[in-house]
Amino acid sequence: MHIEHFEKGLRYSDKELMIVAKKIGKLATHCSRLKDEASVIRVEAERRDTKKAQDEVKVMITVELPKKQFRAESRKQAVIEAFDRAVEKMEPQLMKYKEMNSSKGKAQRSRSLAV
């Protein structure tokens, strides 16, 4: 698994960085292909001046797997809140990918097509 991390206009504290690393590791538990060397996880965090204070921090997570790419984005007031929401959006995408590409999921699809 290759992780790219970019920060614009903000810095994570050590505690926040540990939380982010833990949550990225949690994503890897949903799909074993994330652990392959061919997969890339890109995390971008940006602080922006906005009229709405609750949209100050923008976090984007992009997961690149063989032949597939997933993306989740969230805007919140705090970095960890935005990251949590982006992970929540990413999890169903990865679970669906896992279901569609696992041998069990392929067998269910072929049975439903044969009916």
PDB file of N, CA and C in Angstrom:
ATOM      1  N   MET A   1       0.853  -1.174   0.000  1.00  0.00           N
ATOM      2  CA  MET A   1       0.000   0.000   0.000  1.00  0.00           C
ATOM      3  C   MET A   1       0.898   1.234   0.000  1.00  0.00           C
ATOM      4  N   HIS A   2       0.622   2.126  -0.905  1.00  0.00           N
ATOM      5  CA  HIS A   2       1.381   3.363  -1.011  1.00  0.00           C
ATOM      6  C   HIS A   2       0.466   4.512  -0.595  1.00  0.00           C
ATOM      7  N   ILE A   3       0.894   5.304   0.375  1.00  0.00           N
ATOM      8  CA  ILE A   3       0.079   6.405   0.883  1.00  0.00           C
ATOM      9  C   ILE A   3       0.761   7.725   0.544  1.00  0.00           C
ATOM     10  N   GLU A   4       0.013   8.612  -0.089  1.00  0.00           N
ATOM     11  CA  GLU A   4       0.478   9.963  -0.384  1.00  0.00           C
ATOM     12  C   GLU A   4      -0.342  10.919   0.464  1.00  0.00           C
ATOM     13  N   HIS A   5       0.322  11.870   1.091  1.00  0.00           N
ATOM     14  CA  HIS A   5      -0.382  12.785   1.976  1.00  0.00           C
ATOM     15  C   HIS A   5       0.029  14.217   1.658  1.00  0.00           C
ATOM     16  N   PHE A   6      -0.955  15.085   1.484  1.00  0.00           N
ATOM     17  CA  PHE A   6      -0.695  16.488   1.167  1.00  0.00           C
ATOM     18  C   PHE A   6      -1.488  17.379   2.106  1.00  0.00           C
ATOM     19  N   GLU A   7      -0.859  18.428   2.591  1.00  0.00           N
ATOM     20  CA  GLU A   7      -1.514  19.403   3.466  1.00  0.00           C
ATOM     21  C   GLU A   7      -1.331  20.795   2.871  1.00  0.00           C
ATOM     22  N   LYS A   8      -2.400  21.560   2.804  1.00  0.00           N
ATOM     23  CA  LYS A   8      -2.333  22.935   2.310  1.00  0.00           C
ATOM     24  C   LYS A   8      -2.919  23.854   3.363  1.00  0.00           C
ATOM     25  N   GLY A   9      -2.117  24.714   3.916  1.00  0.00           N
ATOM     26  CA  GLY A   9      -2.601  25.711   4.860  1.00  0.00           C
ATOM     27  C   GLY A   9      -2.902  25.196   6.255  1.00  0.00           C
ATOM     28  N   LEU A  10      -2.507  23.969   6.568  1.00  0.00           N
ATOM     29  CA  LEU A  10      -2.707  23.455   7.917  1.00  0.00           C
ATOM     30  C   LEU A  10      -1.647  22.411   8.230  1.00  0.00           C
ATOM     31  N   ARG A  11      -1.498  22.128   9.499  1.00  0.00           N
ATOM     32  CA  ARG A  11      -0.562  21.114   9.989  1.00  0.00           C
ATOM     33  C   ARG A  11      -1.281  20.245  10.987  1.00  0.00           C
ATOM     34  N   TYR A  12      -1.068  18.931  10.869  1.00  0.00           N
ATOM     35  CA  TYR A  12      -1.610  18.006  11.857  1.00  0.00           C
ATOM     36  C   TYR A  12      -0.745  18.003  13.096  1.00  0.00           C
ATOM     37  N   SER A  13      -1.385  17.869  14.241  1.00  0.00           N
ATOM     38  CA  SER A  13      -0.621  17.620  15.467  1.00  0.00           C
ATOM     39  C   SER A  13      -0.234  16.139  15.451  1.00  0.00           C
ATOM     40  N   ASP A  14       0.663  15.738  16.350  1.00  0.00           N
ATOM     41  CA  ASP A  14       1.073  14.334  16.409  1.00  0.00           C
ATOM     42  C   ASP A  14      -0.122  13.429  16.701  1.00  0.00           C
ATOM     43  N   LYS A  15      -1.000  13.887  17.580  1.00  0.00           N
ATOM     44  CA  LYS A  15      -2.191  13.108  17.935  1.00  0.00           C
ATOM     45  C   LYS A  15      -3.112  12.944  16.726  1.00  0.00           C
ATOM     46  N   GLU A  16      -3.323  14.027  15.983  1.00  0.00           N
ATOM     47  CA  GLU A  16      -4.174  13.965  14.801  1.00  0.00           C
ATOM     48  C   GLU A  16      -3.569  13.063  13.732  1.00  0.00           C
ATOM     49  N   LEU A  17      -2.263  13.106  13.576  1.00  0.00           N
ATOM     50  CA  LEU A  17      -1.591  12.269  12.596  1.00  0.00           C
ATOM     51  C   LEU A  17      -1.753  10.788  12.926  1.00  0.00           C
ATOM     52  N   MET A  18      -1.698  10.449  14.206  1.00  0.00           N
ATOM     53  CA  MET A  18      -1.899   9.057  14.628  1.00  0.00           C
ATOM     54  C   MET A  18      -3.335   8.607  14.349  1.00  0.00           C
ATOM     55  N   ILE A  19      -4.292   9.487  14.577  1.00  0.00           N
ATOM     56  CA  ILE A  19      -5.695   9.164  14.314  1.00  0.00           C
ATOM     57  C   ILE A  19      -5.910   8.942  12.819  1.00  0.00           C
ATOM     58  N   VAL A  20      -5.326   9.792  11.993  1.00  0.00           N
ATOM     59  CA  VAL A  20      -5.444   9.662  10.542  1.00  0.00           C
ATOM     60  C   VAL A  20      -4.844   8.332  10.086  1.00  0.00           C
ATOM     61  N   ALA A  21      -3.669   7.989  10.588  1.00  0.00           N
ATOM     62  CA  ALA A  21      -3.017   6.727  10.214  1.00  0.00           C
ATOM     63  C   ALA A  21      -3.877   5.531  10.621  1.00  0.00           C
ATOM     64  N   LYS A  22      -4.479   5.602  11.785  1.00  0.00           N
ATOM     65  CA  LYS A  22      -5.333   4.518  12.279  1.00  0.00           C
ATOM     66  C   LYS A  22      -6.557   4.343  11.375  1.00  0.00           C
ATOM     67  N   LYS A  23      -7.145   5.456  10.962  1.00  0.00           N
ATOM     68  CA  LYS A  23      -8.338   5.385  10.125  1.00  0.00           C
ATOM     69  C   LYS A  23      -8.006   4.893   8.713  1.00  0.00           C
ATOM     70  N   ILE A  24      -6.846   5.231   8.202  1.00  0.00           N
ATOM     71  CA  ILE A  24      -6.426   4.703   6.901  1.00  0.00           C
ATOM     72  C   ILE A  24      -6.214   3.194   7.013  1.00  0.00           C
ATOM     73  N   GLY A  25      -5.633   2.758   8.123  1.00  0.00           N
ATOM     74  CA  GLY A  25      -5.470   1.327   8.361  1.00  0.00           C
ATOM     75  C   GLY A  25      -6.813   0.618   8.427  1.00  0.00           C
ATOM     76  N   LYS A  26      -7.819   1.290   8.979  1.00  0.00           N
ATOM     77  CA  LYS A  26      -9.160   0.721   9.057  1.00  0.00           C
ATOM     78  C   LYS A  26      -9.737   0.519   7.658  1.00  0.00           C
ATOM     79  N   LEU A  27      -9.445   1.441   6.747  1.00  0.00           N
ATOM     80  CA  LEU A  27      -9.903   1.274   5.369  1.00  0.00           C
ATOM     81  C   LEU A  27      -9.318   0.004   4.752  1.00  0.00           C
ATOM     82  N   ALA A  28      -8.070  -0.296   5.087  1.00  0.00           N
ATOM     83  CA  ALA A  28      -7.410  -1.476   4.534  1.00  0.00           C
ATOM     84  C   ALA A  28      -8.067  -2.767   5.015  1.00  0.00           C
ATOM     85  N   THR A  29      -8.740  -2.738   6.159  1.00  0.00           N
ATOM     86  CA  THR A  29      -9.416  -3.941   6.629  1.00  0.00           C
ATOM     87  C   THR A  29     -10.661  -4.253   5.797  1.00  0.00           C
ATOM     88  N   HIS A  30     -11.208  -3.259   5.126  1.00  0.00           N
ATOM     89  CA  HIS A  30     -12.401  -3.477   4.311  1.00  0.00           C
ATOM     90  C   HIS A  30     -12.086  -4.132   2.973  1.00  0.00           C
ATOM     91  N   CYS A  31     -10.878  -3.967   2.496  1.00  0.00           N
ATOM     92  CA  CYS A  31     -10.527  -4.505   1.181  1.00  0.00           C
ATOM     93  C   CYS A  31      -9.064  -4.934   1.193  1.00  0.00           C
ATOM     94  N   SER A  32      -8.825  -6.216   0.997  1.00  0.00           N
ATOM     95  CA  SER A  32      -7.451  -6.729   1.064  1.00  0.00           C
ATOM     96  C   SER A  32      -6.594  -6.210  -0.085  1.00  0.00           C
ATOM     97  N   ARG A  33      -7.197  -5.787  -1.172  1.00  0.00           N
ATOM     98  CA  ARG A  33      -6.414  -5.261  -2.301  1.00  0.00           C
ATOM     99  C   ARG A  33      -5.745  -3.928  -1.978  1.00  0.00           C
ATOM    100  N   LEU A  34      -6.206  -3.260  -0.919  1.00  0.00           N
ATOM    101  CA  LEU A  34      -5.547  -2.019  -0.503  1.00  0.00           C
ATOM    102  C   LEU A  34      -4.141  -2.287   0.015  1.00  0.00           C
ATOM    103  N   LYS A  35      -3.888  -3.507   0.441  1.00  0.00           N
ATOM    104  CA  LYS A  35      -2.581  -3.853   0.988  1.00  0.00           C
ATOM    105  C   LYS A  35      -1.573  -4.184  -0.119  1.00  0.00           C
ATOM    106  N   ASP A  36      -2.038  -4.331  -1.364  1.00  0.00           N
ATOM    107  CA  ASP A  36      -1.142  -4.614  -2.484  1.00  0.00           C
ATOM    108  C   ASP A  36      -0.260  -3.409  -2.784  1.00  0.00           C
ATOM    109  N   GLU A  37       0.871  -3.676  -3.395  1.00  0.00           N
ATOM    110  CA  GLU A  37       1.775  -2.582  -3.761  1.00  0.00           C
ATOM    111  C   GLU A  37       1.221  -1.744  -4.898  1.00  0.00           C
ATOM    112  N   ALA A  38       0.300  -2.288  -5.667  1.00  0.00           N
ATOM    113  CA  ALA A  38      -0.273  -1.557  -6.794  1.00  0.00           C
ATOM    114  C   ALA A  38      -1.301  -0.520  -6.350  1.00  0.00           C
ATOM    115  N   SER A  39      -1.754  -0.606  -5.111  1.00  0.00           N
ATOM    116  CA  SER A  39      -2.777   0.334  -4.645  1.00  0.00           C
ATOM    117  C   SER A  39      -2.147   1.604  -4.091  1.00  0.00           C
ATOM    118  N   VAL A  40      -2.873   2.706  -4.258  1.00  0.00           N
ATOM    119  CA  VAL A  40      -2.410   4.013  -3.795  1.00  0.00           C
ATOM    120  C   VAL A  40      -3.551   4.690  -3.041  1.00  0.00           C
ATOM    121  N   ILE A  41      -3.236   5.226  -1.874  1.00  0.00           N
ATOM    122  CA  ILE A  41      -4.202   6.035  -1.124  1.00  0.00           C
ATOM    123  C   ILE A  41      -3.640   7.446  -1.066  1.00  0.00           C
ATOM    124  N   ARG A  42      -4.424   8.388  -1.550  1.00  0.00           N
ATOM    125  CA  ARG A  42      -4.001   9.795  -1.560  1.00  0.00           C
ATOM    126  C   ARG A  42      -4.923  10.578  -0.635  1.00  0.00           C
ATOM    127  N   VAL A  43      -4.338  11.257   0.343  1.00  0.00           N
ATOM    128  CA  VAL A  43      -5.094  12.050   1.304  1.00  0.00           C
ATOM    129  C   VAL A  43      -4.670  13.509   1.138  1.00  0.00           C
ATOM    130  N   GLU A  44      -5.636  14.372   0.881  1.00  0.00           N
ATOM    131  CA  GLU A  44      -5.368  15.798   0.745  1.00  0.00           C
ATOM    132  C   GLU A  44      -6.197  16.548   1.778  1.00  0.00           C
ATOM    133  N   ALA A  45      -5.554  17.405   2.533  1.00  0.00           N
ATOM    134  CA  ALA A  45      -6.242  18.233   3.526  1.00  0.00           C
ATOM    135  C   ALA A  45      -5.893  19.684   3.238  1.00  0.00           C
ATOM    136  N   GLU A  46      -6.919  20.523   3.274  1.00  0.00           N
ATOM    137  CA  GLU A  46      -6.722  21.927   2.900  1.00  0.00           C
ATOM    138  C   GLU A  46      -7.570  22.816   3.798  1.00  0.00           C
ATOM    139  N   ARG A  47      -6.972  23.881   4.301  1.00  0.00           N
ATOM    140  CA  ARG A  47      -7.720  24.889   5.055  1.00  0.00           C
ATOM    141  C   ARG A  47      -7.968  26.054   4.105  1.00  0.00           C
ATOM    142  N   ARG A  48      -9.239  26.464   4.052  1.00  0.00           N
ATOM    143  CA  ARG A  48      -9.618  27.533   3.126  1.00  0.00           C
ATOM    144  C   ARG A  48     -10.405  28.601   3.865  1.00  0.00           C
ATOM    145  N   ASP A  49     -10.315  29.821   3.389  1.00  0.00           N
ATOM    146  CA  ASP A  49     -11.135  30.900   3.931  1.00  0.00           C
ATOM    147  C   ASP A  49     -12.502  30.818   3.263  1.00  0.00           C
ATOM    148  N   THR A  50     -13.522  30.578   4.064  1.00  0.00           N
ATOM    149  CA  THR A  50     -14.885  30.485   3.540  1.00  0.00           C
ATOM    150  C   THR A  50     -15.813  31.335   4.383  1.00  0.00           C
ATOM    151  N   LYS A  51     -16.970  31.616   3.828  1.00  0.00           N
ATOM    152  CA  LYS A  51     -17.974  32.374   4.581  1.00  0.00           C
ATOM    153  C   LYS A  51     -18.556  31.519   5.699  1.00  0.00           C
ATOM    154  N   LYS A  52     -18.678  30.232   5.452  1.00  0.00           N
ATOM    155  CA  LYS A  52     -19.203  29.314   6.460  1.00  0.00           C
ATOM    156  C   LYS A  52     -18.044  28.731   7.260  1.00  0.00           C
ATOM    157  N   ALA A  53     -18.059  28.934   8.552  1.00  0.00           N
ATOM    158  CA  ALA A  53     -16.986  28.423   9.406  1.00  0.00           C
ATOM    159  C   ALA A  53     -16.956  26.899   9.425  1.00  0.00           C
ATOM    160  N   GLN A  54     -18.128  26.261   9.261  1.00  0.00           N
ATOM    161  CA  GLN A  54     -18.162  24.807   9.318  1.00  0.00           C
ATOM    162  C   GLN A  54     -17.572  24.146   8.069  1.00  0.00           C
ATOM    163  N   ASP A  55     -17.282  24.911   7.023  1.00  0.00           N
ATOM    164  CA  ASP A  55     -16.683  24.373   5.800  1.00  0.00           C
ATOM    165  C   ASP A  55     -15.214  24.768   5.648  1.00  0.00           C
ATOM    166  N   GLU A  56     -14.561  25.107   6.727  1.00  0.00           N
ATOM    167  CA  GLU A  56     -13.209  25.658   6.680  1.00  0.00           C
ATOM    168  C   GLU A  56     -12.159  24.641   6.228  1.00  0.00           C
ATOM    169  N   VAL A  57     -12.302  23.385   6.628  1.00  0.00           N
ATOM    170  CA  VAL A  57     -11.318  22.353   6.295  1.00  0.00           C
ATOM    171  C   VAL A  57     -11.925  21.388   5.285  1.00  0.00           C
ATOM    172  N   LYS A  58     -11.180  21.128   4.219  1.00  0.00           N
ATOM    173  CA  LYS A  58     -11.636  20.210   3.174  1.00  0.00           C
ATOM    174  C   LYS A  58     -10.663  19.032   3.129  1.00  0.00           C
ATOM    175  N   VAL A  59     -11.200  17.816   3.219  1.00  0.00           N
ATOM    176  CA  VAL A  59     -10.388  16.601   3.156  1.00  0.00           C
ATOM    177  C   VAL A  59     -10.870  15.761   1.985  1.00  0.00           C
ATOM    178  N   MET A  60      -9.928  15.326   1.152  1.00  0.00           N
ATOM    179  CA  MET A  60     -10.245  14.471   0.012  1.00  0.00           C
ATOM    180  C   MET A  60      -9.413  13.192   0.128  1.00  0.00           C
ATOM    181  N   ILE A  61     -10.076  12.057  -0.032  1.00  0.00           N
ATOM    182  CA  ILE A  61      -9.390  10.771  -0.025  1.00  0.00           C
ATOM    183  C   ILE A  61      -9.627  10.123  -1.378  1.00  0.00           C
ATOM    184  N   THR A  62      -8.550   9.714  -2.023  1.00  0.00           N
ATOM    185  CA  THR A  62      -8.636   9.017  -3.291  1.00  0.00           C
ATOM    186  C   THR A  62      -7.947   7.669  -3.126  1.00  0.00           C
ATOM    187  N   VAL A  63      -8.632   6.605  -3.502  1.00  0.00           N
ATOM    188  CA  VAL A  63      -8.078   5.259  -3.429  1.00  0.00           C
ATOM    189  C   VAL A  63      -8.000   4.721  -4.847  1.00  0.00           C
ATOM    190  N   GLU A  64      -6.798   4.344  -5.258  1.00  0.00           N
ATOM    191  CA  GLU A  64      -6.594   3.781  -6.587  1.00  0.00           C
ATOM    192  C   GLU A  64      -6.251   2.305  -6.439  1.00  0.00           C
ATOM    193  N   LEU A  65      -7.131   1.465  -6.969  1.00  0.00           N
ATOM    194  CA  LEU A  65      -6.931   0.026  -6.985  1.00  0.00           C
ATOM    195  C   LEU A  65      -6.754  -0.400  -8.434  1.00  0.00           C
ATOM    196  N   PRO A  66      -6.299  -1.615  -8.670  1.00  0.00           N
ATOM    197  CA  PRO A  66      -6.177  -2.061 -10.061  1.00  0.00           C
ATOM    198  C   PRO A  66      -7.507  -1.945 -10.801  1.00  0.00           C
ATOM    199  N   LYS A  67      -7.520  -1.178 -11.862  1.00  0.00           N
ATOM    200  CA  LYS A  67      -8.670  -0.968 -12.742  1.00  0.00           C
ATOM    201  C   LYS A  67      -9.832  -0.213 -12.098  1.00  0.00           C
ATOM    202  N   LYS A  68      -9.622   0.429 -10.943  1.00  0.00           N
ATOM    203  CA  LYS A  68     -10.716   1.137 -10.271  1.00  0.00           C
ATOM    204  C   LYS A  68     -10.168   2.283  -9.438  1.00  0.00           C
ATOM    205  N   GLN A  69     -10.943   3.350  -9.330  1.00  0.00           N
ATOM    206  CA  GLN A  69     -10.562   4.505  -8.520  1.00  0.00           C
ATOM    207  C   GLN A  69     -11.783   4.987  -7.743  1.00  0.00           C
ATOM    208  N   PHE A  70     -11.592   5.264  -6.437  1.00  0.00           N
ATOM    209  CA  PHE A  70     -12.655   5.734  -5.569  1.00  0.00           C
ATOM    210  C   PHE A  70     -12.261   7.074  -4.975  1.00  0.00           C
ATOM    211  N   ARG A  71     -13.274   7.920  -4.700  1.00  0.00           N
ATOM    212  CA  ARG A  71     -12.984   9.243  -4.158  1.00  0.00           C
ATOM    213  C   ARG A  71     -14.068   9.637  -3.169  1.00  0.00           C
ATOM    214  N   ALA A  72     -13.632  10.267  -2.078  1.00  0.00           N
ATOM    215  CA  ALA A  72     -14.566  10.802  -1.081  1.00  0.00           C
ATOM    216  C   ALA A  72     -14.035  12.151  -0.626  1.00  0.00           C
ATOM    217  N   GLU A  73     -14.952  13.077  -0.392  1.00  0.00           N
ATOM    218  CA  GLU A  73     -14.579  14.438   0.002  1.00  0.00           C
ATOM    219  C   GLU A  73     -15.515  14.908   1.103  1.00  0.00           C
ATOM    220  N   SER A  74     -14.970  15.684   2.025  1.00  0.00           N
ATOM    221  CA  SER A  74     -15.778  16.214   3.108  1.00  0.00           C
ATOM    222  C   SER A  74     -15.264  17.581   3.522  1.00  0.00           C
ATOM    223  N   ARG A  75     -16.194  18.434   3.937  1.00  0.00           N
ATOM    224  CA  ARG A  75     -15.844  19.764   4.445  1.00  0.00           C
ATOM    225  C   ARG A  75     -16.423  19.909   5.841  1.00  0.00           C
ATOM    226  N   LYS A  76     -15.577  20.218   6.793  1.00  0.00           N
ATOM    227  CA  LYS A  76     -16.009  20.394   8.182  1.00  0.00           C
ATOM    228  C   LYS A  76     -15.164  21.488   8.819  1.00  0.00           C
ATOM    229  N   GLN A  77     -15.427  21.744  10.083  1.00  0.00           N
ATOM    230  CA  GLN A  77     -14.701  22.781  10.798  1.00  0.00           C
ATOM    231  C   GLN A  77     -13.344  22.289  11.284  1.00  0.00           C
ATOM    232  N   ALA A  78     -13.258  21.022  11.689  1.00  0.00           N
ATOM    233  CA  ALA A  78     -12.005  20.456  12.201  1.00  0.00           C
ATOM    234  C   ALA A  78     -11.508  19.366  11.261  1.00  0.00           C
ATOM    235  N   VAL A  79     -10.205  19.170  11.262  1.00  0.00           N
ATOM    236  CA  VAL A  79      -9.577  18.200  10.366  1.00  0.00           C
ATOM    237  C   VAL A  79     -10.094  16.787  10.634  1.00  0.00           C
ATOM    238  N   ILE A  80     -10.114  16.378  11.877  1.00  0.00           N
ATOM    239  CA  ILE A  80     -10.513  15.017  12.214  1.00  0.00           C
ATOM    240  C   ILE A  80     -11.983  14.773  11.861  1.00  0.00           C
ATOM    241  N   GLU A  81     -12.841  15.750  12.081  1.00  0.00           N
ATOM    242  CA  GLU A  81     -14.249  15.609  11.707  1.00  0.00           C
ATOM    243  C   GLU A  81     -14.383  15.405  10.202  1.00  0.00           C
ATOM    244  N   ALA A  82     -13.658  16.198   9.423  1.00  0.00           N
ATOM    245  CA  ALA A  82     -13.713  16.078   7.968  1.00  0.00           C
ATOM    246  C   ALA A  82     -13.161  14.734   7.521  1.00  0.00           C
ATOM    247  N   PHE A  83     -12.089  14.299   8.152  1.00  0.00           N
ATOM    248  CA  PHE A  83     -11.492  13.017   7.790  1.00  0.00           C
ATOM    249  C   PHE A  83     -12.443  11.864   8.134  1.00  0.00           C
ATOM    250  N   ASP A  84     -13.081  11.934   9.308  1.00  0.00           N
ATOM    251  CA  ASP A  84     -14.049  10.908   9.707  1.00  0.00           C
ATOM    252  C   ASP A  84     -15.166  10.781   8.675  1.00  0.00           C
ATOM    253  N   ARG A  85     -15.697  11.908   8.256  1.00  0.00           N
ATOM    254  CA  ARG A  85     -16.806  11.893   7.295  1.00  0.00           C
ATOM    255  C   ARG A  85     -16.364  11.355   5.940  1.00  0.00           C
ATOM    256  N   ALA A  86     -15.162  11.698   5.502  1.00  0.00           N
ATOM    257  CA  ALA A  86     -14.655  11.184   4.228  1.00  0.00           C
ATOM    258  C   ALA A  86     -14.461   9.666   4.298  1.00  0.00           C
ATOM    259  N   VAL A  87     -13.973   9.172   5.432  1.00  0.00           N
ATOM    260  CA  VAL A  87     -13.808   7.724   5.612  1.00  0.00           C
ATOM    261  C   VAL A  87     -15.173   7.038   5.608  1.00  0.00           C
ATOM    262  N   GLU A  88     -16.161   7.656   6.253  1.00  0.00           N
ATOM    263  CA  GLU A  88     -17.523   7.102   6.247  1.00  0.00           C
ATOM    264  C   GLU A  88     -18.062   6.986   4.826  1.00  0.00           C
ATOM    265  N   LYS A  89     -17.733   7.944   3.981  1.00  0.00           N
ATOM    266  CA  LYS A  89     -18.186   7.910   2.590  1.00  0.00           C
ATOM    267  C   LYS A  89     -17.419   6.874   1.778  1.00  0.00           C
ATOM    268  N   MET A  90     -16.158   6.638   2.130  1.00  0.00           N
ATOM    269  CA  MET A  90     -15.318   5.711   1.382  1.00  0.00           C
ATOM    270  C   MET A  90     -15.639   4.251   1.700  1.00  0.00           C
ATOM    271  N   GLU A  91     -15.996   3.946   2.936  1.00  0.00           N
ATOM    272  CA  GLU A  91     -16.208   2.562   3.362  1.00  0.00           C
ATOM    273  C   GLU A  91     -17.243   1.812   2.510  1.00  0.00           C
ATOM    274  N   PRO A  92     -18.438   2.365   2.240  1.00  0.00           N
ATOM    275  CA  PRO A  92     -19.393   1.616   1.415  1.00  0.00           C
ATOM    276  C   PRO A  92     -18.883   1.351  -0.001  1.00  0.00           C
ATOM    277  N   GLN A  93     -18.119   2.281  -0.547  1.00  0.00           N
ATOM    278  CA  GLN A  93     -17.566   2.088  -1.882  1.00  0.00           C
ATOM    279  C   GLN A  93     -16.610   0.898  -1.900  1.00  0.00           C
ATOM    280  N   LEU A  94     -15.746   0.818  -0.889  1.00  0.00           N
ATOM    281  CA  LEU A  94     -14.781  -0.276  -0.812  1.00  0.00           C
ATOM    282  C   LEU A  94     -15.471  -1.607  -0.528  1.00  0.00           C
ATOM    283  N   MET A  95     -16.495  -1.585   0.306  1.00  0.00           N
ATOM    284  CA  MET A  95     -17.210  -2.822   0.611  1.00  0.00           C
ATOM    285  C   MET A  95     -17.918  -3.360  -0.637  1.00  0.00           C
ATOM    286  N   LYS A  96     -18.483  -2.464  -1.432  1.00  0.00           N
ATOM    287  CA  LYS A  96     -19.142  -2.885  -2.670  1.00  0.00           C
ATOM    288  C   LYS A  96     -18.107  -3.442  -3.651  1.00  0.00           C
ATOM    289  N   TYR A  97     -16.966  -2.793  -3.746  1.00  0.00           N
ATOM    290  CA  TYR A  97     -15.883  -3.279  -4.613  1.00  0.00           C
ATOM    291  C   TYR A  97     -15.435  -4.665  -4.169  1.00  0.00           C
ATOM    292  N   LYS A  98     -15.278  -4.844  -2.865  1.00  0.00           N
ATOM    293  CA  LYS A  98     -14.858  -6.141  -2.325  1.00  0.00           C
ATOM    294  C   LYS A  98     -15.893  -7.210  -2.657  1.00  0.00           C
ATOM    295  N   GLU A  99     -17.160  -6.878  -2.493  1.00  0.00           N
ATOM    296  CA  GLU A  99     -18.232  -7.820  -2.780  1.00  0.00           C
ATOM    297  C   GLU A  99     -18.256  -8.204  -4.253  1.00  0.00           C
ATOM    298  N   MET A 100     -18.061  -7.236  -5.123  1.00  0.00           N
ATOM    299  CA  MET A 100     -18.125  -7.490  -6.561  1.00  0.00           C
ATOM    300  C   MET A 100     -16.903  -8.254  -7.072  1.00  0.00           C
ATOM    301  N   ASN A 101     -15.767  -8.132  -6.387  1.00  0.00           N
ATOM    302  CA  ASN A 101     -14.532  -8.740  -6.877  1.00  0.00           C
ATOM    303  C   ASN A 101     -14.068  -9.957  -6.084  1.00  0.00           C
ATOM    304  N   SER A 102     -14.794 -10.332  -5.053  1.00  0.00           N
ATOM    305  CA  SER A 102     -14.423 -11.540  -4.319  1.00  0.00           C
ATOM    306  C   SER A 102     -15.030 -12.750  -5.024  1.00  0.00           C
ATOM    307  N   SER A 103     -14.484 -13.906  -4.777  1.00  0.00           N
ATOM    308  CA  SER A 103     -15.001 -15.112  -5.431  1.00  0.00           C
ATOM    309  C   SER A 103     -16.431 -15.394  -4.995  1.00  0.00           C
ATOM    310  N   LYS A 104     -16.760 -15.105  -3.748  1.00  0.00           N
ATOM    311  CA  LYS A 104     -18.119 -15.310  -3.247  1.00  0.00           C
ATOM    312  C   LYS A 104     -19.098 -14.387  -3.975  1.00  0.00           C
ATOM    313  N   GLY A 105     -18.721 -13.136  -4.154  1.00  0.00           N
ATOM    314  CA  GLY A 105     -19.577 -12.185  -4.851  1.00  0.00           C
ATOM    315  C   GLY A 105     -19.764 -12.538  -6.314  1.00  0.00           C
ATOM    316  N   LYS A 106     -18.700 -13.019  -6.958  1.00  0.00           N
ATOM    317  CA  LYS A 106     -18.795 -13.425  -8.362  1.00  0.00           C
ATOM    318  C   LYS A 106     -19.723 -14.614  -8.512  1.00  0.00           C
ATOM    319  N   ALA A 107     -19.661 -15.558  -7.556  1.00  0.00           N
ATOM    320  CA  ALA A 107     -20.532 -16.736  -7.613  1.00  0.00           C
ATOM    321  C   ALA A 107     -21.989 -16.334  -7.466  1.00  0.00           C
ATOM    322  N   GLN A 108     -22.280 -15.401  -6.558  1.00  0.00           N
ATOM    323  CA  GLN A 108     -23.663 -14.941  -6.390  1.00  0.00           C
ATOM    324  C   GLN A 108     -24.170 -14.242  -7.637  1.00  0.00           C
ATOM    325  N   ARG A 109     -23.331 -13.441  -8.266  1.00  0.00           N
ATOM    326  CA  ARG A 109     -23.731 -12.738  -9.492  1.00  0.00           C
ATOM    327  C   ARG A 109     -24.027 -13.717 -10.622  1.00  0.00           C
ATOM    328  N   SER A 110     -23.173 -14.726 -10.771  1.00  0.00           N
ATOM    329  CA  SER A 110     -23.374 -15.681 -11.853  1.00  0.00           C
ATOM    330  C   SER A 110     -24.647 -16.498 -11.636  1.00  0.00           C
ATOM    331  N   ARG A 111     -24.955 -16.818 -10.352  1.00  0.00           N
ATOM    332  CA  ARG A 111     -26.197 -17.539 -10.053  1.00  0.00           C
ATOM    333  C   ARG A 111     -27.409 -16.671 -10.362  1.00  0.00           C
ATOM    334  N   SER A 112     -27.363 -15.389 -10.034  1.00  0.00           N
ATOM    335  CA  SER A 112     -28.509 -14.516 -10.279  1.00  0.00           C
ATOM    336  C   SER A 112     -28.703 -14.266 -11.783  1.00  0.00           C
ATOM    337  N   LEU A 113     -27.631 -14.281 -12.551  1.00  0.00           N
ATOM    338  CA  LEU A 113     -27.745 -14.093 -14.000  1.00  0.00           C
ATOM    339  C   LEU A 113     -28.286 -15.344 -14.670  1.00  0.00           C
ATOM    340  N   ALA A 114     -28.001 -16.506 -14.091  1.00  0.00           N
ATOM    341  CA  ALA A 114     -28.452 -17.773 -14.678  1.00  0.00           C
ATOM    342  C   ALA A 114     -29.936 -17.996 -14.469  1.00  0.00           C
ATOM    343  N   VAL A 115     -30.534 -17.334 -13.507  1.00  0.00           N
ATOM    344  CA  VAL A 115     -31.958 -17.538 -13.203  1.00  0.00           C
ATOM    345  C   VAL A 115     -32.823 -16.902 -14.203  1.00  0.00           C
TER     346      VAL A 115
END
